[in-house]
Amino acid sequence: TLYEGMVVQLVRDVQDGRRDNTAGEL
């Protein structure tokens, strides 16, 4: 569940075309 939530946050982060957060922050 933690990993799934991290992936959701990553996809949210890259909606503008780039990732701004580190894995730890996600």
PDB file of all heavy atoms in Angstrom:
ATOM      1  N   THR A   1       0.829  -1.202   0.000  1.00  0.00           N
ATOM      2  CA  THR A   1       0.000   0.000   0.000  1.00  0.00           C
ATOM      3  C   THR A   1       0.867   1.257   0.000  1.00  0.00           C
ATOM      4  O   THR A   1       0.567   2.232  -0.709  1.00  0.00           O
ATOM      5  CB  THR A   1      -0.926   0.007   1.228  1.00  0.00           C
ATOM      6  OG1 THR A   1      -1.699  -1.187   1.243  1.00  0.00           O
ATOM      7  CG2 THR A   1      -1.867   1.204   1.183  1.00  0.00           C
ATOM      8  N   LEU A   2       1.938   1.243   0.781  1.00  0.00           N
ATOM      9  CA  LEU A   2       2.856   2.382   0.819  1.00  0.00           C
ATOM     10  C   LEU A   2       3.471   2.626  -0.558  1.00  0.00           C
ATOM     11  O   LEU A   2       3.554   3.768  -1.025  1.00  0.00           O
ATOM     12  CB  LEU A   2       3.957   2.121   1.845  1.00  0.00           C
ATOM     13  CG  LEU A   2       5.026   3.211   2.021  1.00  0.00           C
ATOM     14  CD1 LEU A   2       4.393   4.498   2.534  1.00  0.00           C
ATOM     15  CD2 LEU A   2       6.122   2.734   2.975  1.00  0.00           C
ATOM     16  N   TYR A   3       3.866   1.543  -1.207  1.00  0.00           N
ATOM     17  CA  TYR A   3       4.463   1.690  -2.536  1.00  0.00           C
ATOM     18  C   TYR A   3       3.435   2.207  -3.544  1.00  0.00           C
ATOM     19  O   TYR A   3       3.744   3.087  -4.361  1.00  0.00           O
ATOM     20  CB  TYR A   3       5.029   0.353  -3.018  1.00  0.00           C
ATOM     21  CG  TYR A   3       5.764   0.470  -4.325  1.00  0.00           C
ATOM     22  CD1 TYR A   3       7.060   0.966  -4.370  1.00  0.00           C
ATOM     23  CD2 TYR A   3       5.157   0.128  -5.529  1.00  0.00           C
ATOM     24  CE1 TYR A   3       7.735   1.111  -5.579  1.00  0.00           C
ATOM     25  CE2 TYR A   3       5.817   0.269  -6.729  1.00  0.00           C
ATOM     26  CZ  TYR A   3       7.110   0.754  -6.747  1.00  0.00           C
ATOM     27  OH  TYR A   3       7.771   0.905  -7.947  1.00  0.00           O
ATOM     28  N   GLU A   4       2.215   1.683  -3.479  1.00  0.00           N
ATOM     29  CA  GLU A   4       1.168   2.149  -4.389  1.00  0.00           C
ATOM     30  C   GLU A   4       0.917   3.640  -4.203  1.00  0.00           C
ATOM     31  O   GLU A   4       0.781   4.391  -5.179  1.00  0.00           O
ATOM     32  CB  GLU A   4      -0.126   1.368  -4.149  1.00  0.00           C
ATOM     33  CG  GLU A   4      -1.255   1.753  -5.079  1.00  0.00           C
ATOM     34  CD  GLU A   4      -2.517   0.948  -4.840  1.00  0.00           C
ATOM     35  OE1 GLU A   4      -2.654   0.348  -3.754  1.00  0.00           O
ATOM     36  OE2 GLU A   4      -3.385   0.915  -5.735  1.00  0.00           O
ATOM     37  N   GLY A   5       0.867   4.082  -2.950  1.00  0.00           N
ATOM     38  CA  GLY A   5       0.662   5.504  -2.688  1.00  0.00           C
ATOM     39  C   GLY A   5       1.799   6.349  -3.220  1.00  0.00           C
ATOM     40  O   GLY A   5       1.581   7.444  -3.754  1.00  0.00           O
ATOM     41  N   MET A   6       3.029   5.848  -3.090  1.00  0.00           N
ATOM     42  CA  MET A   6       4.189   6.571  -3.618  1.00  0.00           C
ATOM     43  C   MET A   6       4.084   6.736  -5.127  1.00  0.00           C
ATOM     44  O   MET A   6       4.391   7.797  -5.674  1.00  0.00           O
ATOM     45  CB  MET A   6       5.476   5.825  -3.248  1.00  0.00           C
ATOM     46  CG  MET A   6       6.759   6.563  -3.617  1.00  0.00           C
ATOM     47  SD  MET A   6       7.297   6.357  -5.340  1.00  0.00           S
ATOM     48  CE  MET A   6       7.839   4.647  -5.346  1.00  0.00           C
ATOM     49  N   VAL A   7       3.629   5.676  -5.816  1.00  0.00           N
ATOM     50  CA  VAL A   7       3.491   5.739  -7.273  1.00  0.00           C
ATOM     51  C   VAL A   7       2.442   6.777  -7.669  1.00  0.00           C
ATOM     52  O   VAL A   7       2.634   7.544  -8.626  1.00  0.00           O
ATOM     53  CB  VAL A   7       3.123   4.359  -7.849  1.00  0.00           C
ATOM     54  CG1 VAL A   7       2.802   4.459  -9.347  1.00  0.00           C
ATOM     55  CG2 VAL A   7       4.268   3.372  -7.634  1.00  0.00           C
ATOM     56  N   VAL A   8       1.349   6.829  -6.931  1.00  0.00           N
ATOM     57  CA  VAL A   8       0.318   7.835  -7.209  1.00  0.00           C
ATOM     58  C   VAL A   8       0.907   9.237  -7.096  1.00  0.00           C
ATOM     59  O   VAL A   8       0.691  10.097  -7.963  1.00  0.00           O
ATOM     60  CB  VAL A   8      -0.883   7.685  -6.249  1.00  0.00           C
ATOM     61  CG1 VAL A   8      -1.880   8.827  -6.470  1.00  0.00           C
ATOM     62  CG2 VAL A   8      -1.576   6.351  -6.439  1.00  0.00           C
ATOM     63  N   GLN A   9       1.661   9.469  -6.032  1.00  0.00           N
ATOM     64  CA  GLN A   9       2.269  10.784  -5.841  1.00  0.00           C
ATOM     65  C   GLN A   9       3.291  11.093  -6.932  1.00  0.00           C
ATOM     66  O   GLN A   9       3.420  12.241  -7.375  1.00  0.00           O
ATOM     67  CB  GLN A   9       2.935  10.870  -4.464  1.00  0.00           C
ATOM     68  CG  GLN A   9       1.963  10.860  -3.287  1.00  0.00           C
ATOM     69  CD  GLN A   9       1.209  12.174  -3.153  1.00  0.00           C
ATOM     70  OE1 GLN A   9       0.955  12.886  -4.126  1.00  0.00           O
ATOM     71  NE2 GLN A   9       0.821  12.514  -1.932  1.00  0.00           N
ATOM     72  N   LEU A  10       4.014  10.082  -7.384  1.00  0.00           N
ATOM     73  CA  LEU A  10       4.972  10.287  -8.467  1.00  0.00           C
ATOM     74  C   LEU A  10       4.254  10.705  -9.753  1.00  0.00           C
ATOM     75  O   LEU A  10       4.682  11.636 -10.446  1.00  0.00           O
ATOM     76  CB  LEU A  10       5.792   9.018  -8.701  1.00  0.00           C
ATOM     77  CG  LEU A  10       6.892   9.119  -9.767  1.00  0.00           C
ATOM     78  CD1 LEU A  10       8.096   8.256  -9.380  1.00  0.00           C
ATOM     79  CD2 LEU A  10       6.392   8.680 -11.147  1.00  0.00           C
ATOM     80  N   VAL A  11       3.169  10.008 -10.080  1.00  0.00           N
ATOM     81  CA  VAL A  11       2.418  10.348 -11.292  1.00  0.00           C
ATOM     82  C   VAL A  11       1.846  11.758 -11.174  1.00  0.00           C
ATOM     83  O   VAL A  11       1.840  12.523 -12.152  1.00  0.00           O
ATOM     84  CB  VAL A  11       1.299   9.316 -11.550  1.00  0.00           C
ATOM     85  CG1 VAL A  11       0.419   9.747 -12.726  1.00  0.00           C
ATOM     86  CG2 VAL A  11       1.903   7.936 -11.833  1.00  0.00           C
ATOM     87  N   ARG A  12       1.402  12.118  -9.995  1.00  0.00           N
ATOM     88  CA  ARG A  12       0.921  13.495  -9.785  1.00  0.00           C
ATOM     89  C   ARG A  12       2.056  14.492 -10.027  1.00  0.00           C
ATOM     90  O   ARG A  12       1.864  15.534 -10.656  1.00  0.00           O
ATOM     91  CB  ARG A  12       0.398  13.637  -8.367  1.00  0.00           C
ATOM     92  CG  ARG A  12      -0.095  15.045  -8.045  1.00  0.00           C
ATOM     93  CD  ARG A  12      -0.455  15.162  -6.589  1.00  0.00           C
ATOM     94  NE  ARG A  12      -1.220  16.370  -6.331  1.00  0.00           N
ATOM     95  CZ  ARG A  12      -1.687  16.715  -5.151  1.00  0.00           C
ATOM     96  NH1 ARG A  12      -1.468  15.946  -4.098  1.00  0.00           N
ATOM     97  NH2 ARG A  12      -2.379  17.824  -4.986  1.00  0.00           N
ATOM     98  N   ASP A  13       3.240  14.152  -9.527  1.00  0.00           N
ATOM     99  CA  ASP A  13       4.400  15.034  -9.621  1.00  0.00           C
ATOM    100  C   ASP A  13       4.818  15.276 -11.070  1.00  0.00           C
ATOM    101  O   ASP A  13       5.266  16.373 -11.416  1.00  0.00           O
ATOM    102  CB  ASP A  13       5.552  14.414  -8.826  1.00  0.00           C
ATOM    103  CG  ASP A  13       6.715  15.370  -8.622  1.00  0.00           C
ATOM    104  OD1 ASP A  13       6.601  16.552  -8.999  1.00  0.00           O
ATOM    105  OD2 ASP A  13       7.746  14.941  -8.087  1.00  0.00           O
ATOM    106  N   VAL A  14       4.674  14.252 -11.929  1.00  0.00           N
ATOM    107  CA  VAL A  14       5.171  14.380 -13.312  1.00  0.00           C
ATOM    108  C   VAL A  14       4.098  14.878 -14.282  1.00  0.00           C
ATOM    109  O   VAL A  14       4.314  14.863 -15.494  1.00  0.00           O
ATOM    110  CB  VAL A  14       5.756  13.045 -13.818  1.00  0.00           C
ATOM    111  CG1 VAL A  14       6.894  12.585 -12.924  1.00  0.00           C
ATOM    112  CG2 VAL A  14       4.691  11.959 -13.935  1.00  0.00           C
ATOM    113  N   GLN A  15       2.968  15.322 -13.753  1.00  0.00           N
ATOM    114  CA  GLN A  15       1.931  15.826 -14.650  1.00  0.00           C
ATOM    115  C   GLN A  15       2.390  17.040 -15.453  1.00  0.00           C
ATOM    116  O   GLN A  15       1.885  17.317 -16.536  1.00  0.00           O
ATOM    117  CB  GLN A  15       0.662  16.183 -13.857  1.00  0.00           C
ATOM    118  CG  GLN A  15      -0.097  14.986 -13.310  1.00  0.00           C
ATOM    119  CD  GLN A  15      -0.527  14.023 -14.387  1.00  0.00           C
ATOM    120  OE1 GLN A  15      -1.353  14.343 -15.245  1.00  0.00           O
ATOM    121  NE2 GLN A  15       0.033  12.823 -14.369  1.00  0.00           N
ATOM    122  N   ASP A  16       3.375  17.779 -14.907  1.00  0.00           N
ATOM    123  CA  ASP A  16       3.885  18.940 -15.630  1.00  0.00           C
ATOM    124  C   ASP A  16       5.077  18.586 -16.509  1.00  0.00           C
ATOM    125  O   ASP A  16       5.723  19.458 -17.078  1.00  0.00           O
ATOM    126  CB  ASP A  16       4.279  20.056 -14.653  1.00  0.00           C
ATOM    127  CG  ASP A  16       5.383  19.625 -13.690  1.00  0.00           C
ATOM    128  OD1 ASP A  16       5.795  18.437 -13.729  1.00  0.00           O
ATOM    129  OD2 ASP A  16       5.851  20.472 -12.909  1.00  0.00           O
ATOM    130  N   GLY A  17       5.393  17.283 -16.599  1.00  0.00           N
ATOM    131  CA  GLY A  17       6.465  16.843 -17.486  1.00  0.00           C
ATOM    132  C   GLY A  17       7.793  16.598 -16.805  1.00  0.00           C
ATOM    133  O   GLY A  17       8.746  16.147 -17.441  1.00  0.00           O
ATOM    134  N   ARG A  18       7.873  16.860 -15.503  1.00  0.00           N
ATOM    135  CA  ARG A  18       9.127  16.608 -14.794  1.00  0.00           C
ATOM    136  C   ARG A  18       8.821  16.216 -13.352  1.00  0.00           C
ATOM    137  O   ARG A  18       7.747  16.518 -12.825  1.00  0.00           O
ATOM    138  CB  ARG A  18      10.023  17.845 -14.803  1.00  0.00           C
ATOM    139  CG  ARG A  18       9.492  18.995 -13.972  1.00  0.00           C
ATOM    140  CD  ARG A  18      10.464  20.160 -13.912  1.00  0.00           C
ATOM    141  NE  ARG A  18      10.005  21.184 -12.989  1.00  0.00           N
ATOM    142  CZ  ARG A  18      10.692  22.283 -12.700  1.00  0.00           C
ATOM    143  NH1 ARG A  18      11.862  22.489 -13.280  1.00  0.00           N
ATOM    144  NH2 ARG A  18      10.206  23.167 -11.852  1.00  0.00           N
ATOM    145  N   ARG A  19       9.777  15.521 -12.728  1.00  0.00           N
ATOM    146  CA  ARG A  19       9.629  15.125 -11.331  1.00  0.00           C
ATOM    147  C   ARG A  19      10.422  16.081 -10.458  1.00  0.00           C
ATOM    148  O   ARG A  19      11.610  16.304 -10.677  1.00  0.00           O
ATOM    149  CB  ARG A  19      10.124  13.687 -11.129  1.00  0.00           C
ATOM    150  CG  ARG A  19      10.060  13.213  -9.673  1.00  0.00           C
ATOM    151  CD  ARG A  19      10.369  11.715  -9.562  1.00  0.00           C
ATOM    152  NE  ARG A  19      11.628  11.388 -10.194  1.00  0.00           N
ATOM    153  CZ  ARG A  19      12.814  11.519  -9.608  1.00  0.00           C
ATOM    154  NH1 ARG A  19      12.900  12.019  -8.377  1.00  0.00           N
ATOM    155  NH2 ARG A  19      13.923  11.180 -10.244  1.00  0.00           N
ATOM    156  N   ASP A  20       9.746  16.616  -9.446  1.00  0.00           N
ATOM    157  CA  ASP A  20      10.381  17.591  -8.560  1.00  0.00           C
ATOM    158  C   ASP A  20      10.771  16.995  -7.210  1.00  0.00           C
ATOM    159  O   ASP A  20      11.582  17.579  -6.495  1.00  0.00           O
ATOM    160  CB  ASP A  20       9.439  18.774  -8.325  1.00  0.00           C
ATOM    161  CG  ASP A  20       9.074  19.475  -9.629  1.00  0.00           C
ATOM    162  OD1 ASP A  20       9.989  19.872 -10.357  1.00  0.00           O
ATOM    163  OD2 ASP A  20       7.869  19.597  -9.925  1.00  0.00           O
ATOM    164  N   ASN A  21      10.167  15.873  -6.832  1.00  0.00           N
ATOM    165  CA  ASN A  21      10.381  15.297  -5.504  1.00  0.00           C
ATOM    166  C   ASN A  21      11.287  14.071  -5.561  1.00  0.00           C
ATOM    167  O   ASN A  21      11.279  13.318  -6.541  1.00  0.00           O
ATOM    168  CB  ASN A  21       9.044  14.907  -4.864  1.00  0.00           C
ATOM    169  CG  ASN A  21       8.167  16.110  -4.602  1.00  0.00           C
ATOM    170  OD1 ASN A  21       8.568  17.030  -3.896  1.00  0.00           O
ATOM    171  ND2 ASN A  21       6.973  16.125  -5.173  1.00  0.00           N
ATOM    172  N   THR A  22      12.040  13.854  -4.488  1.00  0.00           N
ATOM    173  CA  THR A  22      12.870  12.662  -4.368  1.00  0.00           C
ATOM    174  C   THR A  22      11.991  11.476  -3.960  1.00  0.00           C
ATOM    175  O   THR A  22      10.834  11.641  -3.544  1.00  0.00           O
ATOM    176  CB  THR A  22      13.951  12.859  -3.309  1.00  0.00           C
ATOM    177  OG1 THR A  22      13.324  12.998  -2.015  1.00  0.00           O
ATOM    178  CG2 THR A  22      14.789  14.097  -3.604  1.00  0.00           C
ATOM    179  N   ALA A  23      12.556  10.276  -4.041  1.00  0.00           N
ATOM    180  CA  ALA A  23      11.818   9.083  -3.624  1.00  0.00           C
ATOM    181  C   ALA A  23      11.419   9.182  -2.158  1.00  0.00           C
ATOM    182  O   ALA A  23      10.298   8.826  -1.777  1.00  0.00           O
ATOM    183  CB  ALA A  23      12.662   7.833  -3.871  1.00  0.00           C
ATOM    184  N   GLY A  24      12.325   9.687  -1.315  1.00  0.00           N
ATOM    185  CA  GLY A  24      12.014   9.839   0.104  1.00  0.00           C
ATOM    186  C   GLY A  24      10.853  10.786   0.343  1.00  0.00           C
ATOM    187  O   GLY A  24       9.986  10.532   1.182  1.00  0.00           O
ATOM    188  N   GLU A  25      10.828  11.883  -0.391  1.00  0.00           N
ATOM    189  CA  GLU A  25       9.727  12.847  -0.258  1.00  0.00           C
ATOM    190  C   GLU A  25       8.404  12.244  -0.742  1.00  0.00           C
ATOM    191  O   GLU A  25       7.345  12.502  -0.154  1.00  0.00           O
ATOM    192  CB  GLU A  25      10.058  14.107  -1.048  1.00  0.00           C
ATOM    193  CG  GLU A  25      11.180  14.940  -0.426  1.00  0.00           C
ATOM    194  CD  GLU A  25      11.680  16.043  -1.333  1.00  0.00           C
ATOM    195  OE1 GLU A  25      11.492  15.946  -2.568  1.00  0.00           O
ATOM    196  OE2 GLU A  25      12.276  17.011  -0.807  1.00  0.00           O
ATOM    197  N   LEU A  26       8.472  11.451  -1.798  1.00  0.00           N
ATOM    198  CA  LEU A  26       7.252  10.812  -2.318  1.00  0.00           C
ATOM    199  C   LEU A  26       6.696   9.816  -1.304  1.00  0.00           C
ATOM    200  O   LEU A  26       5.490   9.778  -1.058  1.00  0.00           O
ATOM    201  CB  LEU A  26       7.552  10.121  -3.650  1.00  0.00           C
ATOM    202  CG  LEU A  26       7.864  11.050  -4.823  1.00  0.00           C
ATOM    203  CD1 LEU A  26       8.369  10.255  -6.017  1.00  0.00           C
ATOM    204  CD2 LEU A  26       6.638  11.866  -5.226  1.00  0.00           C
TER     205      LEU A  26
END
